[in-house]
Amino acid sequence: MKKNIIIGIPRAFLYFKYKYLWKTFFQELKCEILISPETNKQILKDGVSNSIDESCLSAKIYMGHVYYLIDKVDYILIPRIVSFGQNEVVCTKFNAMYDIVNNTFKNVNLLDYNIDVKENQNEFKAFMKMGKLLGEDYITVLKAYLKAKKAQKYYEQQQSEKQEQLLRNTDKLKMLIVSHPYNTYDRLLGYPIIKYLKSFEIVPIYADVANKVQTSQKSKAISKTLYWTYNKELIGAIEHYANKIDGIIFISTFPCGPDSLVTELCIRKIKGIPMTNIILDELQGEAGLYTRIESFIDIIRERKNRREVK
C-alpha cells in the first residue's frame, strides 16, 4: 500500500490568502496535510532565533512556523512568487523566502512552486509541475488544480458577499482593517487588535476580503504607479468601502518597506476618514496598543456624534 505523502504548510504569510487553494489541491492528490499551529510565543522565539535582525516580524514568524514543521512532514510547502505580470510584482520576501529557508535549515525537503508571469511562469504551470514532482499523472493533477481553484474562488466570493451584507445590515461603527491577511488573522499579531475592537462593539471590515479585481482597479484613485499587487488590492478597498466605514486602521509589522511607503501615501492622499497606523514589533506591549486603539475609537465616536447633531 502506497504511503501517503505528508505536506507541511506553515500557518503564516500566504497561507491566509491561498489556504483553500493549497489544501484542496493536496487533498485531491491524496496527500496528508499538516498545518503548523496558530502563532504563539514559542513559534515567535524560534522564528527570531532563525532570522536575521533586519527581517520584518512577519517573516520571523514565518520562519518559526517552518521550524515547527521540520521532522514532522515529508515536504514543507514554500512557494516562490515574483510577479503576476507587468507592473504586478510582490514584496521581495515572497521571492526570496524559498532560498532563505533552504539556506537556513539543512536536510529539509522543500516543495515549491514558482510564479513569475514576466518570465512565462504562471500558476497553472507551477501547480502542474508540483503535482508531477509528487508522482501524479497529468490528468490527476489537472483535475486537482481545477477543483482547488474552484474552492478558492467560492471561498473568496462567500467572504466578500458576507461582508457586503454585514455593511448593509449594521448600524454599529465600522472600522476598515487595511492589513495583509498574514498580519490580520495571525493569533499573535492581528487577533488581539480585532478582539479589542469587538469588545467596543466596533465591526471590523477587512480590506483583503473585498473583490480583488475591483480593488486593484480602484487603487488607481490613490496611486496610478503602485506596482505591489497585494498592496494595490488592499488600498483599493479604501475606495471600495469609503462611504460605508467610519475609520481605518493600518496594521503592519516592523520594518516592512512596502507597507510603510504605501501607508504613508494613503495618509497623505486620503481625506475625510479618520486613520491610524499600528506598527507591530516583537517587543510590542498590549497595554500601550490598547490605549491607542481606545483613543482612536473615542475620536471616531465624537466625530460621528458631531455629525448627527448637525
C-alpha atoms as a PDB file:
ATOM      1  CA  MET A   1       0.000   0.000   0.000  1.00  0.00           C
ATOM      2  CA  LYS A   2       1.354   3.384  -1.026  1.00  0.00           C
ATOM      3  CA  LYS A   3       2.270   5.632   1.891  1.00  0.00           C
ATOM      4  CA  ASN A   4       0.545   8.992   1.782  1.00  0.00           C
ATOM      5  CA  ILE A   5       2.894  11.933   1.416  1.00  0.00           C
ATOM      6  CA  ILE A   6       2.635  14.418   4.275  1.00  0.00           C
ATOM      7  CA  ILE A   7       2.782  18.072   3.206  1.00  0.00           C
ATOM      8  CA  GLY A   8       3.586  20.643   5.862  1.00  0.00           C
ATOM      9  CA  ILE A   9       2.111  24.126   5.420  1.00  0.00           C
ATOM     10  CA  PRO A  10       3.351  26.997   7.605  1.00  0.00           C
ATOM     11  CA  ARG A  11       0.393  28.911   9.079  1.00  0.00           C
ATOM     12  CA  ALA A  12       1.874  32.253   8.072  1.00  0.00           C
ATOM     13  CA  PHE A  13       2.399  34.553   5.090  1.00  0.00           C
ATOM     14  CA  LEU A  14       0.378  33.428   2.056  1.00  0.00           C
ATOM     15  CA  TYR A  15      -1.364  30.597   3.894  1.00  0.00           C
ATOM     16  CA  PHE A  16      -4.083  33.052   4.910  1.00  0.00           C
ATOM     17  CA  LYS A  17      -4.589  34.084   1.279  1.00  0.00           C
ATOM     18  CA  TYR A  18      -4.382  30.732  -0.514  1.00  0.00           C
ATOM     19  CA  LYS A  19      -5.240  28.143   2.125  1.00  0.00           C
ATOM     20  CA  TYR A  20      -8.267  26.718   0.273  1.00  0.00           C
ATOM     21  CA  LEU A  21      -6.312  26.519  -2.962  1.00  0.00           C
ATOM     22  CA  TRP A  22      -3.461  24.647  -1.297  1.00  0.00           C
ATOM     23  CA  LYS A  23      -5.495  22.385   0.969  1.00  0.00           C
ATOM     24  CA  THR A  24      -7.901  21.305  -1.773  1.00  0.00           C
ATOM     25  CA  PHE A  25      -5.079  20.643  -4.233  1.00  0.00           C
ATOM     26  CA  PHE A  26      -3.149  18.387  -1.876  1.00  0.00           C
ATOM     27  CA  GLN A  27      -6.272  16.643  -0.616  1.00  0.00           C
ATOM     28  CA  GLU A  28      -7.268  15.806  -4.191  1.00  0.00           C
ATOM     29  CA  LEU A  29      -3.823  14.281  -4.671  1.00  0.00           C
ATOM     30  CA  LYS A  30      -4.448  12.114  -1.574  1.00  0.00           C
ATOM     31  CA  CYS A  31      -1.692  13.815   0.391  1.00  0.00           C
ATOM     32  CA  GLU A  32      -1.923  14.290   4.136  1.00  0.00           C
ATOM     33  CA  ILE A  33      -1.639  17.878   5.308  1.00  0.00           C
ATOM     34  CA  LEU A  34      -0.080  19.166   8.499  1.00  0.00           C
ATOM     35  CA  ILE A  35      -0.596  22.852   9.196  1.00  0.00           C
ATOM     36  CA  SER A  36       1.532  24.415  11.897  1.00  0.00           C
ATOM     37  CA  PRO A  37      -0.422  25.684  14.935  1.00  0.00           C
ATOM     38  CA  GLU A  38      -1.506  29.257  15.480  1.00  0.00           C
ATOM     39  CA  THR A  39       1.349  31.597  16.253  1.00  0.00           C
ATOM     40  CA  ASN A  40       2.439  31.508  19.881  1.00  0.00           C
ATOM     41  CA  LYS A  41       5.399  32.829  21.836  1.00  0.00           C
ATOM     42  CA  GLN A  42       7.476  29.705  21.195  1.00  0.00           C
ATOM     43  CA  ILE A  43       6.974  29.948  17.437  1.00  0.00           C
ATOM     44  CA  LEU A  44       7.933  33.621  17.601  1.00  0.00           C
ATOM     45  CA  LYS A  45      11.029  32.776  19.654  1.00  0.00           C
ATOM     46  CA  ASP A  46      12.095  30.064  17.192  1.00  0.00           C
ATOM     47  CA  GLY A  47      11.492  32.412  14.280  1.00  0.00           C
ATOM     48  CA  VAL A  48      13.586  35.181  15.786  1.00  0.00           C
ATOM     49  CA  SER A  49      16.390  32.694  16.514  1.00  0.00           C
ATOM     50  CA  ASN A  50      16.456  31.577  12.889  1.00  0.00           C
ATOM     51  CA  SER A  51      16.200  35.013  11.236  1.00  0.00           C
ATOM     52  CA  ILE A  52      18.461  37.964  10.665  1.00  0.00           C
ATOM     53  CA  ASP A  53      17.660  41.092  12.665  1.00  0.00           C
ATOM     54  CA  GLU A  54      16.664  43.028   9.544  1.00  0.00           C
ATOM     55  CA  SER A  55      13.751  40.693   8.723  1.00  0.00           C
ATOM     56  CA  CYS A  56      10.260  42.024   9.303  1.00  0.00           C
ATOM     57  CA  LEU A  57       8.308  40.499  12.168  1.00  0.00           C
ATOM     58  CA  SER A  58       6.000  38.674   9.734  1.00  0.00           C
ATOM     59  CA  ALA A  59       8.995  36.961   8.123  1.00  0.00           C
ATOM     60  CA  LYS A  60      10.405  35.978  11.518  1.00  0.00           C
ATOM     61  CA  ILE A  61       7.083  34.409  12.444  1.00  0.00           C
ATOM     62  CA  TYR A  62       7.082  32.512   9.150  1.00  0.00           C
ATOM     63  CA  MET A  63      10.491  31.047   9.962  1.00  0.00           C
ATOM     64  CA  GLY A  64       9.127  29.926  13.316  1.00  0.00           C
ATOM     65  CA  HIS A  65       6.297  28.060  11.618  1.00  0.00           C
ATOM     66  CA  VAL A  66       8.724  26.393   9.210  1.00  0.00           C
ATOM     67  CA  TYR A  67      10.914  25.355  12.146  1.00  0.00           C
ATOM     68  CA  TYR A  68       7.903  23.753  13.836  1.00  0.00           C
ATOM     69  CA  LEU A  69       7.232  21.517  10.807  1.00  0.00           C
ATOM     70  CA  ILE A  70      10.779  20.171  10.444  1.00  0.00           C
ATOM     71  CA  ASP A  71      10.967  16.392  11.051  1.00  0.00           C
ATOM     72  CA  LYS A  72       7.157  16.144  11.124  1.00  0.00           C
ATOM     73  CA  VAL A  73       6.435  16.004   7.369  1.00  0.00           C
ATOM     74  CA  ASP A  74       7.794  14.726   4.054  1.00  0.00           C
ATOM     75  CA  TYR A  75       7.750  18.145   2.393  1.00  0.00           C
ATOM     76  CA  ILE A  76       7.265  21.721   3.565  1.00  0.00           C
ATOM     77  CA  LEU A  77       5.474  23.964   1.073  1.00  0.00           C
ATOM     78  CA  ILE A  78       7.444  27.161   0.421  1.00  0.00           C
ATOM     79  CA  PRO A  79       6.052  28.947  -2.652  1.00  0.00           C
ATOM     80  CA  ARG A  80       8.131  31.437  -4.613  1.00  0.00           C
ATOM     81  CA  ILE A  81       6.077  34.277  -6.061  1.00  0.00           C
ATOM     82  CA  VAL A  82       7.680  37.095  -8.049  1.00  0.00           C
ATOM     83  CA  SER A  83       5.139  38.667 -10.390  1.00  0.00           C
ATOM     84  CA  PHE A  84       1.670  38.326 -11.853  1.00  0.00           C
ATOM     85  CA  GLY A  85       2.508  40.380 -14.953  1.00  0.00           C
ATOM     86  CA  GLN A  86       3.884  43.741 -15.985  1.00  0.00           C
ATOM     87  CA  ASN A  87       3.783  46.176 -13.044  1.00  0.00           C
ATOM     88  CA  GLU A  88       2.280  43.393 -10.914  1.00  0.00           C
ATOM     89  CA  VAL A  89       5.039  42.340  -8.530  1.00  0.00           C
ATOM     90  CA  VAL A  90       5.064  41.362  -4.864  1.00  0.00           C
ATOM     91  CA  CYS A  91       7.384  42.092  -1.972  1.00  0.00           C
ATOM     92  CA  THR A  92      10.814  40.529  -2.494  1.00  0.00           C
ATOM     93  CA  LYS A  93      10.379  38.383   0.631  1.00  0.00           C
ATOM     94  CA  PHE A  94       7.950  36.160  -1.311  1.00  0.00           C
ATOM     95  CA  ASN A  95      10.603  35.726  -3.983  1.00  0.00           C
ATOM     96  CA  ALA A  96      13.459  35.130  -1.566  1.00  0.00           C
ATOM     97  CA  MET A  97      11.789  33.049   1.144  1.00  0.00           C
ATOM     98  CA  TYR A  98      12.428  29.689  -0.518  1.00  0.00           C
ATOM     99  CA  ASP A  99      16.155  30.402  -0.678  1.00  0.00           C
ATOM    100  CA  ILE A 100      16.195  31.827   2.844  1.00  0.00           C
ATOM    101  CA  VAL A 101      14.530  28.705   4.249  1.00  0.00           C
ATOM    102  CA  ASN A 102      16.691  26.388   2.144  1.00  0.00           C
ATOM    103  CA  ASN A 103      19.891  28.020   3.373  1.00  0.00           C
ATOM    104  CA  THR A 104      18.785  28.329   6.996  1.00  0.00           C
ATOM    105  CA  PHE A 105      17.544  24.801   7.621  1.00  0.00           C
ATOM    106  CA  LYS A 106      19.631  21.900   6.371  1.00  0.00           C
ATOM    107  CA  ASN A 107      18.384  18.494   5.215  1.00  0.00           C
ATOM    108  CA  VAL A 108      14.765  19.643   4.876  1.00  0.00           C
ATOM    109  CA  ASN A 109      12.679  18.651   1.842  1.00  0.00           C
ATOM    110  CA  LEU A 110      11.042  21.751   0.440  1.00  0.00           C
ATOM    111  CA  LEU A 111       8.171  21.737  -2.029  1.00  0.00           C
ATOM    112  CA  ASP A 112       7.820  24.911  -4.039  1.00  0.00           C
ATOM    113  CA  TYR A 113       6.024  26.378  -6.998  1.00  0.00           C
ATOM    114  CA  ASN A 114       7.201  29.411  -8.936  1.00  0.00           C
ATOM    115  CA  ILE A 115       5.019  32.211 -10.259  1.00  0.00           C
ATOM    116  CA  ASP A 116       6.752  34.812 -12.392  1.00  0.00           C
ATOM    117  CA  VAL A 117       4.452  35.724 -15.242  1.00  0.00           C
ATOM    118  CA  LYS A 118       7.015  38.106 -16.721  1.00  0.00           C
ATOM    119  CA  GLU A 119       9.206  35.028 -17.267  1.00  0.00           C
ATOM    120  CA  ASN A 120       6.302  32.922 -18.596  1.00  0.00           C
ATOM    121  CA  GLN A 121       5.914  31.007 -15.333  1.00  0.00           C
ATOM    122  CA  ASN A 122       2.221  31.177 -14.422  1.00  0.00           C
ATOM    123  CA  GLU A 123       0.258  29.500 -11.658  1.00  0.00           C
ATOM    124  CA  PHE A 124      -1.121  26.711 -13.844  1.00  0.00           C
ATOM    125  CA  LYS A 125       2.337  25.595 -14.982  1.00  0.00           C
ATOM    126  CA  ALA A 126       3.632  25.863 -11.437  1.00  0.00           C
ATOM    127  CA  PHE A 127       0.958  23.609  -9.954  1.00  0.00           C
ATOM    128  CA  MET A 128       1.234  21.074 -12.761  1.00  0.00           C
ATOM    129  CA  LYS A 129       4.971  20.846 -12.153  1.00  0.00           C
ATOM    130  CA  MET A 130       4.429  20.474  -8.416  1.00  0.00           C
ATOM    131  CA  GLY A 131       1.922  17.656  -8.941  1.00  0.00           C
ATOM    132  CA  LYS A 132       4.332  15.837 -11.244  1.00  0.00           C
ATOM    133  CA  LEU A 133       7.061  16.094  -8.603  1.00  0.00           C
ATOM    134  CA  LEU A 134       4.650  14.414  -6.174  1.00  0.00           C
ATOM    135  CA  GLY A 135       4.389  11.492  -8.588  1.00  0.00           C
ATOM    136  CA  GLU A 136       0.939  12.117 -10.075  1.00  0.00           C
ATOM    137  CA  ASP A 137      -0.109  11.950 -13.733  1.00  0.00           C
ATOM    138  CA  TYR A 138      -1.159  14.995 -15.778  1.00  0.00           C
ATOM    139  CA  ILE A 139      -4.916  14.379 -15.712  1.00  0.00           C
ATOM    140  CA  THR A 140      -4.999  13.783 -11.946  1.00  0.00           C
ATOM    141  CA  VAL A 141      -3.033  16.955 -11.286  1.00  0.00           C
ATOM    142  CA  LEU A 142      -5.153  18.970 -13.709  1.00  0.00           C
ATOM    143  CA  LYS A 143      -8.389  17.857 -12.018  1.00  0.00           C
ATOM    144  CA  ALA A 144      -6.920  18.621  -8.592  1.00  0.00           C
ATOM    145  CA  TYR A 145      -5.843  22.098  -9.683  1.00  0.00           C
ATOM    146  CA  LEU A 146      -9.187  22.979 -11.269  1.00  0.00           C
ATOM    147  CA  LYS A 147     -11.070  21.808  -8.195  1.00  0.00           C
ATOM    148  CA  ALA A 148      -8.694  23.775  -5.951  1.00  0.00           C
ATOM    149  CA  LYS A 149      -9.220  26.950  -7.989  1.00  0.00           C
ATOM    150  CA  LYS A 150     -12.974  26.475  -7.745  1.00  0.00           C
ATOM    151  CA  ALA A 151     -12.781  26.018  -3.961  1.00  0.00           C
ATOM    152  CA  GLN A 152     -10.631  29.118  -3.555  1.00  0.00           C
ATOM    153  CA  LYS A 153     -12.945  31.222  -5.743  1.00  0.00           C
ATOM    154  CA  TYR A 154     -16.032  30.039  -3.877  1.00  0.00           C
ATOM    155  CA  TYR A 155     -14.471  30.893  -0.519  1.00  0.00           C
ATOM    156  CA  GLU A 156     -13.469  34.374  -1.665  1.00  0.00           C
ATOM    157  CA  GLN A 157     -16.910  35.092  -3.117  1.00  0.00           C
ATOM    158  CA  GLN A 158     -18.646  33.909   0.042  1.00  0.00           C
ATOM    159  CA  GLN A 159     -16.449  36.092   2.254  1.00  0.00           C
ATOM    160  CA  SER A 160     -16.936  39.147   0.052  1.00  0.00           C
ATOM    161  CA  GLU A 161     -20.722  38.735  -0.117  1.00  0.00           C
ATOM    162  CA  LYS A 162     -20.939  38.123   3.622  1.00  0.00           C
ATOM    163  CA  GLN A 163     -19.047  41.329   4.324  1.00  0.00           C
ATOM    164  CA  GLU A 164     -21.184  43.373   1.915  1.00  0.00           C
ATOM    165  CA  GLN A 165     -24.293  42.057   3.646  1.00  0.00           C
ATOM    166  CA  LEU A 166     -22.841  42.954   7.045  1.00  0.00           C
ATOM    167  CA  LEU A 167     -22.210  46.522   5.889  1.00  0.00           C
ATOM    168  CA  ARG A 168     -25.842  46.855   4.812  1.00  0.00           C
ATOM    169  CA  ASN A 169     -27.340  45.372   7.956  1.00  0.00           C
ATOM    170  CA  THR A 170     -25.499  47.021  10.848  1.00  0.00           C
ATOM    171  CA  ASP A 171     -25.695  50.477  12.393  1.00  0.00           C
ATOM    172  CA  LYS A 172     -22.612  49.956  14.553  1.00  0.00           C
ATOM    173  CA  LEU A 173     -19.343  51.791  13.968  1.00  0.00           C
ATOM    174  CA  LYS A 174     -17.372  50.103  11.206  1.00  0.00           C
ATOM    175  CA  MET A 175     -13.566  50.013  11.090  1.00  0.00           C
ATOM    176  CA  LEU A 176     -11.720  49.106   7.897  1.00  0.00           C
ATOM    177  CA  ILE A 177      -8.676  46.947   8.653  1.00  0.00           C
ATOM    178  CA  VAL A 178      -6.072  47.601   5.962  1.00  0.00           C
ATOM    179  CA  SER A 179      -3.507  44.886   6.504  1.00  0.00           C
ATOM    180  CA  HIS A 180      -2.134  41.791   4.828  1.00  0.00           C
ATOM    181  CA  PRO A 181      -4.063  38.646   5.805  1.00  0.00           C
ATOM    182  CA  TYR A 182      -0.941  37.155   7.382  1.00  0.00           C
ATOM    183  CA  ASN A 183      -0.958  40.046   9.850  1.00  0.00           C
ATOM    184  CA  THR A 184      -4.725  40.482  10.250  1.00  0.00           C
ATOM    185  CA  TYR A 185      -5.527  36.860  11.063  1.00  0.00           C
ATOM    186  CA  ASP A 186      -2.363  35.870  12.903  1.00  0.00           C
ATOM    187  CA  ARG A 187      -3.110  34.911  16.507  1.00  0.00           C
ATOM    188  CA  LEU A 188      -0.209  36.918  17.894  1.00  0.00           C
ATOM    189  CA  LEU A 189      -0.411  39.945  15.581  1.00  0.00           C
ATOM    190  CA  GLY A 190      -3.848  40.991  14.384  1.00  0.00           C
ATOM    191  CA  TYR A 191      -6.117  38.860  16.553  1.00  0.00           C
ATOM    192  CA  PRO A 192      -5.643  40.921  19.777  1.00  0.00           C
ATOM    193  CA  ILE A 193      -6.492  44.108  17.842  1.00  0.00           C
ATOM    194  CA  ILE A 194      -9.632  42.634  16.271  1.00  0.00           C
ATOM    195  CA  LYS A 195     -10.723  41.171  19.592  1.00  0.00           C
ATOM    196  CA  TYR A 196     -10.281  44.536  21.318  1.00  0.00           C
ATOM    197  CA  LEU A 197     -12.265  46.353  18.623  1.00  0.00           C
ATOM    198  CA  LYS A 198     -15.132  43.906  19.015  1.00  0.00           C
ATOM    199  CA  SER A 199     -15.130  44.449  22.789  1.00  0.00           C
ATOM    200  CA  PHE A 200     -16.102  48.068  21.996  1.00  0.00           C
ATOM    201  CA  GLU A 201     -18.834  46.836  19.636  1.00  0.00           C
ATOM    202  CA  ILE A 202     -16.850  48.010  16.622  1.00  0.00           C
ATOM    203  CA  VAL A 203     -17.466  45.987  13.453  1.00  0.00           C
ATOM    204  CA  PRO A 204     -14.180  45.138  11.699  1.00  0.00           C
ATOM    205  CA  ILE A 205     -14.322  45.304   7.909  1.00  0.00           C
ATOM    206  CA  TYR A 206     -11.430  43.561   6.195  1.00  0.00           C
ATOM    207  CA  ALA A 207      -9.734  45.119   3.171  1.00  0.00           C
ATOM    208  CA  ASP A 208      -8.451  41.765   1.946  1.00  0.00           C
ATOM    209  CA  VAL A 209     -11.983  40.340   1.693  1.00  0.00           C
ATOM    210  CA  ALA A 210     -13.158  42.782  -0.994  1.00  0.00           C
ATOM    211  CA  ASN A 211     -13.236  41.696  -4.632  1.00  0.00           C
ATOM    212  CA  LYS A 212      -9.583  41.716  -5.765  1.00  0.00           C
ATOM    213  CA  VAL A 213     -10.246  42.687  -9.380  1.00  0.00           C
ATOM    214  CA  GLN A 214     -12.320  45.667  -8.319  1.00  0.00           C
ATOM    215  CA  THR A 215      -9.943  46.863  -5.608  1.00  0.00           C
ATOM    216  CA  SER A 216      -6.891  46.626  -7.878  1.00  0.00           C
ATOM    217  CA  GLN A 217      -8.646  48.957 -10.316  1.00  0.00           C
ATOM    218  CA  LYS A 218      -9.856  51.316  -7.604  1.00  0.00           C
ATOM    219  CA  SER A 219      -6.339  51.623  -6.172  1.00  0.00           C
ATOM    220  CA  LYS A 220      -5.536  53.883  -9.135  1.00  0.00           C
ATOM    221  CA  ALA A 221      -7.535  56.618  -7.438  1.00  0.00           C
ATOM    222  CA  ILE A 222      -4.794  56.682  -4.797  1.00  0.00           C
ATOM    223  CA  SER A 223      -1.790  55.799  -6.967  1.00  0.00           C
ATOM    224  CA  LYS A 224      -1.515  55.021 -10.685  1.00  0.00           C
ATOM    225  CA  THR A 225       2.102  53.880 -10.394  1.00  0.00           C
ATOM    226  CA  LEU A 226       1.962  51.475  -7.444  1.00  0.00           C
ATOM    227  CA  TYR A 227       3.177  48.060  -8.590  1.00  0.00           C
ATOM    228  CA  TRP A 228       2.952  45.840  -5.483  1.00  0.00           C
ATOM    229  CA  THR A 229      -0.043  43.651  -6.306  1.00  0.00           C
ATOM    230  CA  TYR A 230      -1.069  42.747  -2.760  1.00  0.00           C
ATOM    231  CA  ASN A 231      -0.812  46.368  -1.586  1.00  0.00           C
ATOM    232  CA  LYS A 232      -2.909  47.549  -4.524  1.00  0.00           C
ATOM    233  CA  GLU A 233      -5.644  45.099  -3.570  1.00  0.00           C
ATOM    234  CA  LEU A 234      -5.645  46.442  -0.019  1.00  0.00           C
ATOM    235  CA  ILE A 235      -5.638  50.189  -0.656  1.00  0.00           C
ATOM    236  CA  GLY A 236      -8.235  49.810  -3.401  1.00  0.00           C
ATOM    237  CA  ALA A 237     -10.556  48.555  -0.683  1.00  0.00           C
ATOM    238  CA  ILE A 238     -10.403  52.024   0.882  1.00  0.00           C
ATOM    239  CA  GLU A 239     -12.054  53.444  -2.228  1.00  0.00           C
ATOM    240  CA  HIS A 240     -14.420  50.472  -2.397  1.00  0.00           C
ATOM    241  CA  TYR A 241     -15.708  50.962   1.162  1.00  0.00           C
ATOM    242  CA  ALA A 242     -15.125  54.723   1.530  1.00  0.00           C
ATOM    243  CA  ASN A 243     -18.772  55.679   2.094  1.00  0.00           C
ATOM    244  CA  LYS A 244     -19.543  52.699   4.327  1.00  0.00           C
ATOM    245  CA  ILE A 245     -16.870  52.925   7.039  1.00  0.00           C
ATOM    246  CA  ASP A 246     -16.191  55.222   9.998  1.00  0.00           C
ATOM    247  CA  GLY A 247     -12.433  54.815  10.297  1.00  0.00           C
ATOM    248  CA  ILE A 248      -9.336  52.999   9.049  1.00  0.00           C
ATOM    249  CA  ILE A 249      -6.658  51.074  10.925  1.00  0.00           C
ATOM    250  CA  PHE A 250      -3.469  50.215   9.055  1.00  0.00           C
ATOM    251  CA  ILE A 251      -1.625  47.259  10.579  1.00  0.00           C
ATOM    252  CA  SER A 252       1.910  46.347   9.548  1.00  0.00           C
ATOM    253  CA  THR A 253       4.994  44.795  11.066  1.00  0.00           C
ATOM    254  CA  PHE A 254       8.363  46.433  11.592  1.00  0.00           C
ATOM    255  CA  PRO A 255      10.290  47.086   9.374  1.00  0.00           C
ATOM    256  CA  CYS A 256       8.131  46.343   6.299  1.00  0.00           C
ATOM    257  CA  GLY A 257       9.280  48.630   3.478  1.00  0.00           C
ATOM    258  CA  PRO A 258       6.317  48.356   1.073  1.00  0.00           C
ATOM    259  CA  ASP A 259       3.742  48.777   3.846  1.00  0.00           C
ATOM    260  CA  SER A 260       5.482  51.819   5.336  1.00  0.00           C
ATOM    261  CA  LEU A 261       5.579  53.567   1.958  1.00  0.00           C
ATOM    262  CA  VAL A 262       2.021  52.664   0.982  1.00  0.00           C
ATOM    263  CA  THR A 263       0.561  53.609   4.364  1.00  0.00           C
ATOM    264  CA  GLU A 264       2.283  56.992   4.260  1.00  0.00           C
ATOM    265  CA  LEU A 265       0.942  57.509   0.746  1.00  0.00           C
ATOM    266  CA  CYS A 266      -2.613  56.788   1.918  1.00  0.00           C
ATOM    267  CA  ILE A 267      -2.363  59.033   4.962  1.00  0.00           C
ATOM    268  CA  ARG A 268      -1.212  61.923   2.785  1.00  0.00           C
ATOM    269  CA  LYS A 269      -3.723  61.473  -0.033  1.00  0.00           C
ATOM    270  CA  ILE A 270      -6.931  60.253   1.611  1.00  0.00           C
ATOM    271  CA  LYS A 271      -9.028  62.927   3.290  1.00  0.00           C
ATOM    272  CA  GLY A 272     -12.229  62.840   5.312  1.00  0.00           C
ATOM    273  CA  ILE A 273     -11.752  59.466   7.027  1.00  0.00           C
ATOM    274  CA  PRO A 274     -10.017  59.110  10.436  1.00  0.00           C
ATOM    275  CA  MET A 275      -6.952  56.871  10.181  1.00  0.00           C
ATOM    276  CA  THR A 276      -4.364  55.410  12.492  1.00  0.00           C
ATOM    277  CA  ASN A 277      -1.275  53.349  11.767  1.00  0.00           C
ATOM    278  CA  ILE A 278      -0.251  50.461  14.036  1.00  0.00           C
ATOM    279  CA  ILE A 279       3.228  49.039  13.500  1.00  0.00           C
ATOM    280  CA  LEU A 280       3.876  45.841  15.427  1.00  0.00           C
ATOM    281  CA  ASP A 281       7.252  44.539  16.547  1.00  0.00           C
ATOM    282  CA  GLU A 282       8.372  41.630  18.707  1.00  0.00           C
ATOM    283  CA  LEU A 283       8.553  43.873  21.799  1.00  0.00           C
ATOM    284  CA  GLN A 284       5.049  45.317  21.403  1.00  0.00           C
ATOM    285  CA  GLY A 285       3.162  45.620  24.690  1.00  0.00           C
ATOM    286  CA  GLU A 286      -0.597  45.142  24.716  1.00  0.00           C
ATOM    287  CA  ALA A 287      -1.321  47.906  27.240  1.00  0.00           C
ATOM    288  CA  GLY A 288       0.060  50.681  25.045  1.00  0.00           C
ATOM    289  CA  LEU A 289      -1.572  49.183  21.972  1.00  0.00           C
ATOM    290  CA  TYR A 290      -5.000  49.089  23.593  1.00  0.00           C
ATOM    291  CA  THR A 291      -4.666  52.674  24.809  1.00  0.00           C
ATOM    292  CA  ARG A 292      -4.025  53.834  21.244  1.00  0.00           C
ATOM    293  CA  ILE A 293      -6.984  51.905  19.880  1.00  0.00           C
ATOM    294  CA  GLU A 294      -9.316  53.159  22.609  1.00  0.00           C
ATOM    295  CA  SER A 295      -8.276  56.755  21.966  1.00  0.00           C
ATOM    296  CA  PHE A 296      -8.862  56.319  18.244  1.00  0.00           C
ATOM    297  CA  ILE A 297     -12.327  54.879  18.856  1.00  0.00           C
ATOM    298  CA  ASP A 298     -13.170  57.857  21.084  1.00  0.00           C
ATOM    299  CA  ILE A 299     -12.181  60.229  18.270  1.00  0.00           C
ATOM    300  CA  ILE A 300     -14.392  58.398  15.757  1.00  0.00           C
ATOM    301  CA  ARG A 301     -17.379  58.337  18.116  1.00  0.00           C
ATOM    302  CA  GLU A 302     -17.016  62.040  18.877  1.00  0.00           C
ATOM    303  CA  ARG A 303     -16.782  62.791  15.168  1.00  0.00           C
ATOM    304  CA  LYS A 304     -19.922  60.788  14.447  1.00  0.00           C
ATOM    305  CA  ASN A 305     -21.823  62.437  17.318  1.00  0.00           C
ATOM    306  CA  ARG A 306     -20.985  65.887  15.956  1.00  0.00           C
ATOM    307  CA  ARG A 307     -22.235  64.904  12.520  1.00  0.00           C
ATOM    308  CA  GLU A 308     -25.515  63.627  13.944  1.00  0.00           C
ATOM    309  CA  VAL A 309     -26.028  66.858  15.892  1.00  0.00           C
ATOM    310  CA  LYS A 310     -25.562  68.899  12.716  1.00  0.00           C
END
